[in-house]
PDB file of all heavy atoms in Angstrom:
ATOM      1  N   ASN A   1     -16.464 -16.328  -7.106  1.00  0.00           N
ATOM      2  CA  ASN A   1     -15.281 -17.177  -7.278  1.00  0.00           C
ATOM      3  C   ASN A   1     -14.965 -17.969  -6.012  1.00  0.00           C
ATOM      4  O   ASN A   1     -14.468 -19.097  -6.089  1.00  0.00           O
ATOM      5  CB  ASN A   1     -14.067 -16.331  -7.650  1.00  0.00           C
ATOM      6  CG  ASN A   1     -14.123 -15.830  -9.087  1.00  0.00           C
ATOM      7  OD1 ASN A   1     -14.667 -16.500  -9.961  1.00  0.00           O
ATOM      8  ND2 ASN A   1     -13.584 -14.651  -9.331  1.00  0.00           N
ATOM      9  N   ARG A   2     -15.237 -17.380  -4.863  1.00  0.00           N
ATOM     10  CA  ARG A   2     -14.891 -18.036  -3.598  1.00  0.00           C
ATOM     11  C   ARG A   2     -15.671 -19.320  -3.404  1.00  0.00           C
ATOM     12  O   ARG A   2     -15.225 -20.226  -2.695  1.00  0.00           O
ATOM     13  CB  ARG A   2     -15.143 -17.065  -2.441  1.00  0.00           C
ATOM     14  CG  ARG A   2     -14.421 -17.460  -1.164  1.00  0.00           C
ATOM     15  CD  ARG A   2     -14.518 -16.381  -0.105  1.00  0.00           C
ATOM     16  NE  ARG A   2     -15.881 -16.265   0.402  1.00  0.00           N
ATOM     17  CZ  ARG A   2     -16.583 -15.141   0.400  1.00  0.00           C
ATOM     18  NH1 ARG A   2     -16.039 -14.040  -0.102  1.00  0.00           N
ATOM     19  NH2 ARG A   2     -17.810 -15.103   0.874  1.00  0.00           N
ATOM     20  N   ARG A   3     -16.848 -19.425  -4.053  1.00  0.00           N
ATOM     21  CA  ARG A   3     -17.626 -20.655  -3.925  1.00  0.00           C
ATOM     22  C   ARG A   3     -16.864 -21.862  -4.441  1.00  0.00           C
ATOM     23  O   ARG A   3     -17.013 -22.972  -3.927  1.00  0.00           O
ATOM     24  CB  ARG A   3     -18.954 -20.512  -4.675  1.00  0.00           C
ATOM     25  CG  ARG A   3     -20.012 -19.751  -3.890  1.00  0.00           C
ATOM     26  CD  ARG A   3     -21.310 -19.669  -4.655  1.00  0.00           C
ATOM     27  NE  ARG A   3     -21.204 -18.811  -5.832  1.00  0.00           N
ATOM     28  CZ  ARG A   3     -22.226 -18.484  -6.611  1.00  0.00           C
ATOM     29  NH1 ARG A   3     -23.423 -18.974  -6.362  1.00  0.00           N
ATOM     30  NH2 ARG A   3     -22.050 -17.692  -7.641  1.00  0.00           N
ATOM     31  N   VAL A   4     -16.046 -21.662  -5.478  1.00  0.00           N
ATOM     32  CA  VAL A   4     -15.249 -22.767  -6.005  1.00  0.00           C
ATOM     33  C   VAL A   4     -14.245 -23.237  -4.957  1.00  0.00           C
ATOM     34  O   VAL A   4     -14.034 -24.439  -4.757  1.00  0.00           O
ATOM     35  CB  VAL A   4     -14.527 -22.338  -7.299  1.00  0.00           C
ATOM     36  CG1 VAL A   4     -13.655 -23.473  -7.835  1.00  0.00           C
ATOM     37  CG2 VAL A   4     -15.539 -21.897  -8.351  1.00  0.00           C
ATOM     38  N   ILE A   5     -13.617 -22.284  -4.264  1.00  0.00           N
ATOM     39  CA  ILE A   5     -12.643 -22.619  -3.228  1.00  0.00           C
ATOM     40  C   ILE A   5     -13.334 -23.294  -2.044  1.00  0.00           C
ATOM     41  O   ILE A   5     -12.869 -24.329  -1.545  1.00  0.00           O
ATOM     42  CB  ILE A   5     -11.901 -21.351  -2.759  1.00  0.00           C
ATOM     43  CG1 ILE A   5     -11.213 -20.674  -3.950  1.00  0.00           C
ATOM     44  CG2 ILE A   5     -10.884 -21.667  -1.671  1.00  0.00           C
ATOM     45  CD1 ILE A   5     -10.583 -19.345  -3.620  1.00  0.00           C
ATOM     46  N   ALA A   6     -14.434 -22.705  -1.593  1.00  0.00           N
ATOM     47  CA  ALA A   6     -15.150 -23.251  -0.437  1.00  0.00           C
ATOM     48  C   ALA A   6     -15.605 -24.683  -0.688  1.00  0.00           C
ATOM     49  O   ALA A   6     -15.563 -25.532   0.202  1.00  0.00           O
ATOM     50  CB  ALA A   6     -16.344 -22.361  -0.097  1.00  0.00           C
ATOM     51  N   GLN A   7     -16.036 -24.961  -1.920  1.00  0.00           N
ATOM     52  CA  GLN A   7     -16.488 -26.308  -2.258  1.00  0.00           C
ATOM     53  C   GLN A   7     -15.365 -27.324  -2.092  1.00  0.00           C
ATOM     54  O   GLN A   7     -15.571 -28.424  -1.582  1.00  0.00           O
ATOM     55  CB  GLN A   7     -17.007 -26.330  -3.699  1.00  0.00           C
ATOM     56  CG  GLN A   7     -17.492 -27.689  -4.168  1.00  0.00           C
ATOM     57  CD  GLN A   7     -17.802 -27.705  -5.650  1.00  0.00           C
ATOM     58  OE1 GLN A   7     -17.265 -26.910  -6.418  1.00  0.00           O
ATOM     59  NE2 GLN A   7     -18.685 -28.602  -6.058  1.00  0.00           N
ATOM     60  N   GLN A   8     -14.155 -26.967  -2.516  1.00  0.00           N
ATOM     61  CA  GLN A   8     -13.026 -27.893  -2.415  1.00  0.00           C
ATOM     62  C   GLN A   8     -12.579 -28.074  -0.962  1.00  0.00           C
ATOM     63  O   GLN A   8     -12.172 -29.164  -0.559  1.00  0.00           O
ATOM     64  CB  GLN A   8     -11.853 -27.375  -3.260  1.00  0.00           C
ATOM     65  CG  GLN A   8     -12.139 -27.311  -4.751  1.00  0.00           C
ATOM     66  CD  GLN A   8     -12.367 -28.683  -5.357  1.00  0.00           C
ATOM     67  OE1 GLN A   8     -11.881 -29.689  -4.854  1.00  0.00           O
ATOM     68  NE2 GLN A   8     -13.117 -28.726  -6.451  1.00  0.00           N
ATOM     69  N   MET A   9     -12.663 -27.005  -0.170  1.00  0.00           N
ATOM     70  CA  MET A   9     -12.228 -27.087   1.227  1.00  0.00           C
ATOM     71  C   MET A   9     -13.221 -27.834   2.106  1.00  0.00           C
ATOM     72  O   MET A   9     -12.861 -28.312   3.177  1.00  0.00           O
ATOM     73  CB  MET A   9     -12.017 -25.678   1.777  1.00  0.00           C
ATOM     74  CG  MET A   9     -10.796 -24.978   1.218  1.00  0.00           C
ATOM     75  SD  MET A   9     -10.570 -23.344   1.963  1.00  0.00           S
ATOM     76  CE  MET A   9      -8.852 -23.025   1.513  1.00  0.00           C
ATOM     77  N   ALA A  10     -14.475 -27.937   1.653  1.00  0.00           N
ATOM     78  CA  ALA A  10     -15.514 -28.562   2.465  1.00  0.00           C
ATOM     79  C   ALA A  10     -15.646 -30.057   2.212  1.00  0.00           C
ATOM     80  O   ALA A  10     -16.474 -30.718   2.851  1.00  0.00           O
ATOM     81  CB  ALA A  10     -16.856 -27.870   2.212  1.00  0.00           C
ATOM     82  N   GLN A  11     -14.866 -30.615   1.284  1.00  0.00           N
ATOM     83  CA  GLN A  11     -14.990 -32.031   0.956  1.00  0.00           C
ATOM     84  C   GLN A  11     -14.450 -32.914   2.081  1.00  0.00           C
ATOM     85  O   GLN A  11     -13.675 -32.467   2.938  1.00  0.00           O
ATOM     86  CB  GLN A  11     -14.238 -32.331  -0.340  1.00  0.00           C
ATOM     87  CG  GLN A  11     -14.752 -31.578  -1.548  1.00  0.00           C
ATOM     88  CD  GLN A  11     -16.183 -31.937  -1.887  1.00  0.00           C
ATOM     89  OE1 GLN A  11     -16.583 -33.092  -1.805  1.00  0.00           O
ATOM     90  NE2 GLN A  11     -16.969 -30.926  -2.254  1.00  0.00           N
ATOM     91  N   LYS A  12     -14.852 -34.182   2.060  1.00  0.00           N
ATOM     92  CA  LYS A  12     -14.388 -35.128   3.075  1.00  0.00           C
ATOM     93  C   LYS A  12     -12.867 -35.276   3.000  1.00  0.00           C
ATOM     94  O   LYS A  12     -12.194 -35.394   4.039  1.00  0.00           O
ATOM     95  CB  LYS A  12     -15.072 -36.484   2.884  1.00  0.00           C
ATOM     96  CG  LYS A  12     -14.753 -37.491   3.969  1.00  0.00           C
ATOM     97  CD  LYS A  12     -15.591 -38.757   3.817  1.00  0.00           C
ATOM     98  CE  LYS A  12     -17.071 -38.467   4.046  1.00  0.00           C
ATOM     99  NZ  LYS A  12     -17.873 -39.716   4.044  1.00  0.00           N
ATOM    100  N   ALA A  13     -12.334 -35.302   1.789  1.00  0.00           N
ATOM    101  CA  ALA A  13     -10.877 -35.240   1.603  1.00  0.00           C
ATOM    102  C   ALA A  13     -10.570 -33.800   1.199  1.00  0.00           C
ATOM    103  O   ALA A  13     -10.593 -33.458   0.025  1.00  0.00           O
ATOM    104  CB  ALA A  13     -10.426 -36.220   0.528  1.00  0.00           C
ATOM    105  N   PRO A  14     -10.322 -32.919   2.175  1.00  0.00           N
ATOM    106  CA  PRO A  14     -10.314 -31.481   1.883  1.00  0.00           C
ATOM    107  C   PRO A  14      -9.030 -31.000   1.219  1.00  0.00           C
ATOM    108  O   PRO A  14      -8.034 -31.714   1.131  1.00  0.00           O
ATOM    109  CB  PRO A  14     -10.468 -30.856   3.269  1.00  0.00           C
ATOM    110  CG  PRO A  14      -9.786 -31.829   4.177  1.00  0.00           C
ATOM    111  CD  PRO A  14     -10.071 -33.190   3.593  1.00  0.00           C
ATOM    112  N   LEU A  15      -9.112 -29.760   0.797  1.00  0.00           N
ATOM    113  CA  LEU A  15      -7.975 -29.026   0.257  1.00  0.00           C
ATOM    114  C   LEU A  15      -7.685 -27.875   1.200  1.00  0.00           C
ATOM    115  O   LEU A  15      -8.597 -27.281   1.767  1.00  0.00           O
ATOM    116  CB  LEU A  15      -8.311 -28.485  -1.131  1.00  0.00           C
ATOM    117  CG  LEU A  15      -7.254 -27.600  -1.794  1.00  0.00           C
ATOM    118  CD1 LEU A  15      -6.307 -28.458  -2.612  1.00  0.00           C
ATOM    119  CD2 LEU A  15      -7.915 -26.562  -2.686  1.00  0.00           C
ATOM    120  N   SER A  16      -6.407 -27.557   1.401  1.00  0.00           N
ATOM    121  CA  SER A  16      -6.045 -26.397   2.209  1.00  0.00           C
ATOM    122  C   SER A  16      -5.117 -25.501   1.416  1.00  0.00           C
ATOM    123  O   SER A  16      -4.500 -25.926   0.429  1.00  0.00           O
ATOM    124  CB  SER A  16      -5.374 -26.826   3.516  1.00  0.00           C
ATOM    125  OG  SER A  16      -4.150 -27.496   3.262  1.00  0.00           O
ATOM    126  N   LEU A  17      -5.022 -24.262   1.839  1.00  0.00           N
ATOM    127  CA  LEU A  17      -4.139 -23.298   1.188  1.00  0.00           C
ATOM    128  C   LEU A  17      -2.803 -23.275   1.918  1.00  0.00           C
ATOM    129  O   LEU A  17      -2.738 -22.912   3.100  1.00  0.00           O
ATOM    130  CB  LEU A  17      -4.768 -21.907   1.177  1.00  0.00           C
ATOM    131  CG  LEU A  17      -6.070 -21.769   0.388  1.00  0.00           C
ATOM    132  CD1 LEU A  17      -6.581 -20.341   0.452  1.00  0.00           C
ATOM    133  CD2 LEU A  17      -5.876 -22.206  -1.055  1.00  0.00           C
ATOM    134  N   ALA A  18      -1.761 -23.667   1.218  1.00  0.00           N
ATOM    135  CA  ALA A  18      -0.430 -23.662   1.808  1.00  0.00           C
ATOM    136  C   ALA A  18       0.202 -22.276   1.781  1.00  0.00           C
ATOM    137  O   ALA A  18       1.090 -21.975   2.581  1.00  0.00           O
ATOM    138  CB  ALA A  18       0.475 -24.652   1.060  1.00  0.00           C
ATOM    139  N   PHE A  19      -0.280 -21.437   0.865  1.00  0.00           N
ATOM    140  CA  PHE A  19       0.326 -20.111   0.664  1.00  0.00           C
ATOM    141  C   PHE A  19      -0.705 -19.254  -0.047  1.00  0.00           C
ATOM    142  O   PHE A  19      -1.417 -19.732  -0.934  1.00  0.00           O
ATOM    143  CB  PHE A  19       1.579 -20.263  -0.200  1.00  0.00           C
ATOM    144  CG  PHE A  19       2.253 -18.972  -0.595  1.00  0.00           C
ATOM    145  CD1 PHE A  19       3.250 -18.421   0.198  1.00  0.00           C
ATOM    146  CD2 PHE A  19       1.900 -18.319  -1.761  1.00  0.00           C
ATOM    147  CE1 PHE A  19       3.882 -17.254  -0.180  1.00  0.00           C
ATOM    148  CE2 PHE A  19       2.526 -17.147  -2.140  1.00  0.00           C
ATOM    149  CZ  PHE A  19       3.519 -16.613  -1.344  1.00  0.00           C
ATOM    150  N   ALA A  20      -0.799 -17.991   0.351  1.00  0.00           N
ATOM    151  CA  ALA A  20      -1.760 -17.111  -0.307  1.00  0.00           C
ATOM    152  C   ALA A  20      -1.329 -15.658  -0.194  1.00  0.00           C
ATOM    153  O   ALA A  20      -0.821 -15.224   0.842  1.00  0.00           O
ATOM    154  CB  ALA A  20      -3.156 -17.282   0.304  1.00  0.00           C
ATOM    155  N   ILE A  21      -1.507 -14.920  -1.292  1.00  0.00           N
ATOM    156  CA  ILE A  21      -1.420 -13.464  -1.303  1.00  0.00           C
ATOM    157  C   ILE A  21      -2.738 -12.997  -1.916  1.00  0.00           C
ATOM    158  O   ILE A  21      -2.918 -13.081  -3.124  1.00  0.00           O
ATOM    159  CB  ILE A  21      -0.230 -12.945  -2.127  1.00  0.00           C
ATOM    160  CG1 ILE A  21       1.087 -13.594  -1.673  1.00  0.00           C
ATOM    161  CG2 ILE A  21      -0.128 -11.430  -2.028  1.00  0.00           C
ATOM    162  CD1 ILE A  21       2.284 -13.194  -2.507  1.00  0.00           C
ATOM    163  N   PRO A  22      -3.672 -12.497  -1.116  1.00  0.00           N
ATOM    164  CA  PRO A  22      -5.004 -12.188  -1.647  1.00  0.00           C
ATOM    165  C   PRO A  22      -5.052 -10.981  -2.578  1.00  0.00           C
ATOM    166  O   PRO A  22      -5.913 -10.916  -3.442  1.00  0.00           O
ATOM    167  CB  PRO A  22      -5.844 -11.935  -0.386  1.00  0.00           C
ATOM    168  CG  PRO A  22      -5.034 -12.480   0.747  1.00  0.00           C
ATOM    169  CD  PRO A  22      -3.613 -12.362   0.341  1.00  0.00           C
ATOM    170  N   ASP A  23      -4.135 -10.016  -2.390  1.00  0.00           N
ATOM    171  CA  ASP A  23      -4.212  -8.782  -3.174  1.00  0.00           C
ATOM    172  C   ASP A  23      -2.792  -8.314  -3.483  1.00  0.00           C
ATOM    173  O   ASP A  23      -2.078  -7.844  -2.605  1.00  0.00           O
ATOM    174  CB  ASP A  23      -4.975  -7.709  -2.400  1.00  0.00           C
ATOM    175  CG  ASP A  23      -5.231  -6.475  -3.245  1.00  0.00           C
ATOM    176  OD1 ASP A  23      -5.601  -6.632  -4.424  1.00  0.00           O
ATOM    177  OD2 ASP A  23      -5.059  -5.359  -2.731  1.00  0.00           O
ATOM    178  N   HIS A  24      -2.394  -8.441  -4.733  1.00  0.00           N
ATOM    179  CA  HIS A  24      -1.001  -8.247  -5.138  1.00  0.00           C
ATOM    180  C   HIS A  24      -0.977  -7.333  -6.356  1.00  0.00           C
ATOM    181  O   HIS A  24      -1.809  -7.461  -7.250  1.00  0.00           O
ATOM    182  CB  HIS A  24      -0.415  -9.626  -5.484  1.00  0.00           C
ATOM    183  CG  HIS A  24       1.049  -9.651  -5.758  1.00  0.00           C
ATOM    184  ND1 HIS A  24       1.626  -9.058  -6.863  1.00  0.00           N
ATOM    185  CD2 HIS A  24       2.066 -10.233  -5.084  1.00  0.00           C
ATOM    186  CE1 HIS A  24       2.923  -9.275  -6.842  1.00  0.00           C
ATOM    187  NE2 HIS A  24       3.214  -9.981  -5.773  1.00  0.00           N
ATOM    188  N   PRO A  25      -0.041  -6.392  -6.442  1.00  0.00           N
ATOM    189  CA  PRO A  25      -0.002  -5.485  -7.592  1.00  0.00           C
ATOM    190  C   PRO A  25       0.477  -6.168  -8.856  1.00  0.00           C
ATOM    191  O   PRO A  25       1.187  -7.175  -8.818  1.00  0.00           O
ATOM    192  CB  PRO A  25       0.983  -4.398  -7.150  1.00  0.00           C
ATOM    193  CG  PRO A  25       1.870  -5.088  -6.165  1.00  0.00           C
ATOM    194  CD  PRO A  25       1.000  -6.079  -5.451  1.00  0.00           C
ATOM    195  N   TRP A  26       0.104  -5.591  -9.954  1.00  0.00           N
ATOM    196  CA  TRP A  26       0.426  -6.154 -11.267  1.00  0.00           C
ATOM    197  C   TRP A  26       0.432  -5.026 -12.280  1.00  0.00           C
ATOM    198  O   TRP A  26      -0.362  -4.093 -12.188  1.00  0.00           O
ATOM    199  CB  TRP A  26      -0.644  -7.177 -11.645  1.00  0.00           C
ATOM    200  CG  TRP A  26      -0.464  -7.834 -12.981  1.00  0.00           C
ATOM    201  CD1 TRP A  26      -0.748  -7.319 -14.211  1.00  0.00           C
ATOM    202  CD2 TRP A  26       0.026  -9.149 -13.225  1.00  0.00           C
ATOM    203  NE1 TRP A  26      -0.470  -8.228 -15.198  1.00  0.00           N
ATOM    204  CE2 TRP A  26       0.014  -9.361 -14.610  1.00  0.00           C
ATOM    205  CE3 TRP A  26       0.467 -10.177 -12.390  1.00  0.00           C
ATOM    206  CZ2 TRP A  26       0.427 -10.551 -15.192  1.00  0.00           C
ATOM    207  CZ3 TRP A  26       0.869 -11.355 -12.976  1.00  0.00           C
ATOM    208  CH2 TRP A  26       0.848 -11.545 -14.354  1.00  0.00           C
ATOM    209  N   VAL A  27       1.308  -5.107 -13.260  1.00  0.00           N
ATOM    210  CA  VAL A  27       1.283  -4.169 -14.379  1.00  0.00           C
ATOM    211  C   VAL A  27       1.316  -4.969 -15.662  1.00  0.00           C
ATOM    212  O   VAL A  27       2.186  -5.821 -15.857  1.00  0.00           O
ATOM    213  CB  VAL A  27       2.479  -3.193 -14.341  1.00  0.00           C
ATOM    214  CG1 VAL A  27       2.586  -2.433 -15.643  1.00  0.00           C
ATOM    215  CG2 VAL A  27       2.315  -2.211 -13.201  1.00  0.00           C
ATOM    216  N   ASP A  28       0.345  -4.733 -16.542  1.00  0.00           N
ATOM    217  CA  ASP A  28       0.313  -5.350 -17.864  1.00  0.00           C
ATOM    218  C   ASP A  28       1.417  -4.701 -18.694  1.00  0.00           C
ATOM    219  O   ASP A  28       1.381  -3.511 -18.981  1.00  0.00           O
ATOM    220  CB  ASP A  28      -1.044  -5.117 -18.504  1.00  0.00           C
ATOM    221  CG  ASP A  28      -1.213  -5.856 -19.822  1.00  0.00           C
ATOM    222  OD1 ASP A  28      -0.183  -6.131 -20.466  1.00  0.00           O
ATOM    223  OD2 ASP A  28      -2.350  -6.141 -20.199  1.00  0.00           O
ATOM    224  N   THR A  29       2.430  -5.506 -19.092  1.00  0.00           N
ATOM    225  CA  THR A  29       3.585  -4.928 -19.764  1.00  0.00           C
ATOM    226  C   THR A  29       3.263  -4.399 -21.148  1.00  0.00           C
ATOM    227  O   THR A  29       4.026  -3.622 -21.708  1.00  0.00           O
ATOM    228  CB  THR A  29       4.703  -5.974 -19.888  1.00  0.00           C
ATOM    229  OG1 THR A  29       4.202  -7.120 -20.576  1.00  0.00           O
ATOM    230  CG2 THR A  29       5.213  -6.387 -18.530  1.00  0.00           C
ATOM    231  N   ALA A  30       2.137  -4.792 -21.735  1.00  0.00           N
ATOM    232  CA  ALA A  30       1.824  -4.342 -23.089  1.00  0.00           C
ATOM    233  C   ALA A  30       1.308  -2.902 -23.104  1.00  0.00           C
ATOM    234  O   ALA A  30       1.637  -2.123 -23.987  1.00  0.00           O
ATOM    235  CB  ALA A  30       0.807  -5.269 -23.744  1.00  0.00           C
ATOM    236  N   ASP A  31       0.488  -2.550 -22.111  1.00  0.00           N
ATOM    237  CA  ASP A  31      -0.076  -1.203 -22.134  1.00  0.00           C
ATOM    238  C   ASP A  31       0.030  -0.480 -20.797  1.00  0.00           C
ATOM    239  O   ASP A  31      -0.461   0.632 -20.652  1.00  0.00           O
ATOM    240  CB  ASP A  31      -1.546  -1.248 -22.569  1.00  0.00           C
ATOM    241  CG  ASP A  31      -2.398  -2.144 -21.667  1.00  0.00           C
ATOM    242  OD1 ASP A  31      -1.946  -2.479 -20.556  1.00  0.00           O
ATOM    243  OD2 ASP A  31      -3.517  -2.492 -22.079  1.00  0.00           O
ATOM    244  N   GLY A  32       0.697  -1.092 -19.822  1.00  0.00           N
ATOM    245  CA  GLY A  32       0.890  -0.431 -18.549  1.00  0.00           C
ATOM    246  C   GLY A  32      -0.337  -0.410 -17.659  1.00  0.00           C
ATOM    247  O   GLY A  32      -0.344   0.264 -16.636  1.00  0.00           O
ATOM    248  N   ALA A  33      -1.401  -1.128 -18.028  1.00  0.00           N
ATOM    249  CA  ALA A  33      -2.628  -1.117 -17.230  1.00  0.00           C
ATOM    250  C   ALA A  33      -2.386  -1.757 -15.863  1.00  0.00           C
ATOM    251  O   ALA A  33      -1.721  -2.783 -15.753  1.00  0.00           O
ATOM    252  CB  ALA A  33      -3.737  -1.854 -17.964  1.00  0.00           C
ATOM    253  N   ALA A  34      -2.924  -1.143 -14.822  1.00  0.00           N
ATOM    254  CA  ALA A  34      -2.786  -1.669 -13.469  1.00  0.00           C
ATOM    255  C   ALA A  34      -3.849  -2.728 -13.214  1.00  0.00           C
ATOM    256  O   ALA A  34      -5.018  -2.537 -13.524  1.00  0.00           O
ATOM    257  CB  ALA A  34      -2.917  -0.543 -12.456  1.00  0.00           C
ATOM    258  N   VAL A  35      -3.431  -3.860 -12.668  1.00  0.00           N
ATOM    259  CA  VAL A  35      -4.327  -4.974 -12.362  1.00  0.00           C
ATOM    260  C   VAL A  35      -3.976  -5.463 -10.972  1.00  0.00           C
ATOM    261  O   VAL A  35      -2.821  -5.383 -10.554  1.00  0.00           O
ATOM    262  CB  VAL A  35      -4.169  -6.126 -13.385  1.00  0.00           C
ATOM    263  CG1 VAL A  35      -5.154  -7.241 -13.092  1.00  0.00           C
ATOM    264  CG2 VAL A  35      -4.353  -5.625 -14.797  1.00  0.00           C
ATOM    265  N   ARG A  36      -4.948  -5.941 -10.242  1.00  0.00           N
ATOM    266  CA  ARG A  36      -4.701  -6.549  -8.939  1.00  0.00           C
ATOM    267  C   ARG A  36      -4.906  -8.055  -9.073  1.00  0.00           C
ATOM    268  O   ARG A  36      -5.869  -8.508  -9.674  1.00  0.00           O
ATOM    269  CB  ARG A  36      -5.665  -6.000  -7.883  1.00  0.00           C
ATOM    270  CG  ARG A  36      -5.722  -4.498  -7.792  1.00  0.00           C
ATOM    271  CD  ARG A  36      -4.413  -3.874  -7.416  1.00  0.00           C
ATOM    272  NE  ARG A  36      -3.948  -4.248  -6.092  1.00  0.00           N
ATOM    273  CZ  ARG A  36      -2.905  -3.681  -5.494  1.00  0.00           C
ATOM    274  NH1 ARG A  36      -2.232  -2.720  -6.107  1.00  0.00           N
ATOM    275  NH2 ARG A  36      -2.514  -4.083  -4.291  1.00  0.00           N
ATOM    276  N   ILE A  37      -3.995  -8.818  -8.525  1.00  0.00           N
ATOM    277  CA  ILE A  37      -4.057 -10.268  -8.657  1.00  0.00           C
ATOM    278  C   ILE A  37      -4.042 -10.930  -7.282  1.00  0.00           C
ATOM    279  O   ILE A  37      -3.803 -10.282  -6.269  1.00  0.00           O
ATOM    280  CB  ILE A  37      -2.873 -10.808  -9.486  1.00  0.00           C
ATOM    281  CG1 ILE A  37      -1.553 -10.575  -8.752  1.00  0.00           C
ATOM    282  CG2 ILE A  37      -2.853 -10.188 -10.872  1.00  0.00           C
ATOM    283  CD1 ILE A  37      -0.401 -11.362  -9.299  1.00  0.00           C
ATOM    284  N   ALA A  38      -4.286 -12.233  -7.286  1.00  0.00           N
ATOM    285  CA  ALA A  38      -4.136 -13.066  -6.094  1.00  0.00           C
ATOM    286  C   ALA A  38      -3.273 -14.264  -6.464  1.00  0.00           C
ATOM    287  O   ALA A  38      -3.285 -14.726  -7.606  1.00  0.00           O
ATOM    288  CB  ALA A  38      -5.492 -13.527  -5.571  1.00  0.00           C
ATOM    289  N   MET A  39      -2.507 -14.748  -5.506  1.00  0.00           N
ATOM    290  CA  MET A  39      -1.727 -15.972  -5.679  1.00  0.00           C
ATOM    291  C   MET A  39      -2.183 -16.964  -4.624  1.00  0.00           C
ATOM    292  O   MET A  39      -2.303 -16.618  -3.445  1.00  0.00           O
ATOM    293  CB  MET A  39      -0.233 -15.712  -5.513  1.00  0.00           C
ATOM    294  CG  MET A  39       0.369 -14.780  -6.535  1.00  0.00           C
ATOM    295  SD  MET A  39       2.177 -14.665  -6.320  1.00  0.00           S
ATOM    296  CE  MET A  39       2.572 -13.439  -7.578  1.00  0.00           C
ATOM    297  N   THR A  40      -2.445 -18.198  -5.034  1.00  0.00           N
ATOM    298  CA  THR A  40      -2.845 -19.239  -4.095  1.00  0.00           C
ATOM    299  C   THR A  40      -2.111 -20.528  -4.411  1.00  0.00           C
ATOM    300  O   THR A  40      -1.893 -20.859  -5.578  1.00  0.00           O
ATOM    301  CB  THR A  40      -4.362 -19.497  -4.138  1.00  0.00           C
ATOM    302  OG1 THR A  40      -4.775 -19.663  -5.511  1.00  0.00           O
ATOM    303  CG2 THR A  40      -5.140 -18.370  -3.509  1.00  0.00           C
TER     304      THR A  40
END
């Protein structure tokens, strides 16, 4: 997945991350399953 991000950041008109949480807790409200998410 990181290749998609790296490709955008390496362009002549680049993209940068203004905010990021790489590893964030999550609970699926339907069945209580634990999931880890990222926010960018």
